[in-house]
């Protein structure tokens, strides 16, 4: 989820995110983002947590997820 949040909330590239998260390879970050995005698209319960944290990090207090 951290990889997905980094991609959603910043303009950093996959290699840059990997660097900041302990020197991970960009393909590891890409895979992680894809796994979370697939789960979100499938309606997995993790979606609510992802959207809540994204909105919290971006300061979007008008979000539906703040009431959860």
Foldseek 3Di string as FASTA:
>chain_A
DVLLLCVLQDVDQLQVVCVVVPNHDSVVSVVVNVVVVVCVVVVHPCVLVSVVVSCVSVVPPVDPSVVD
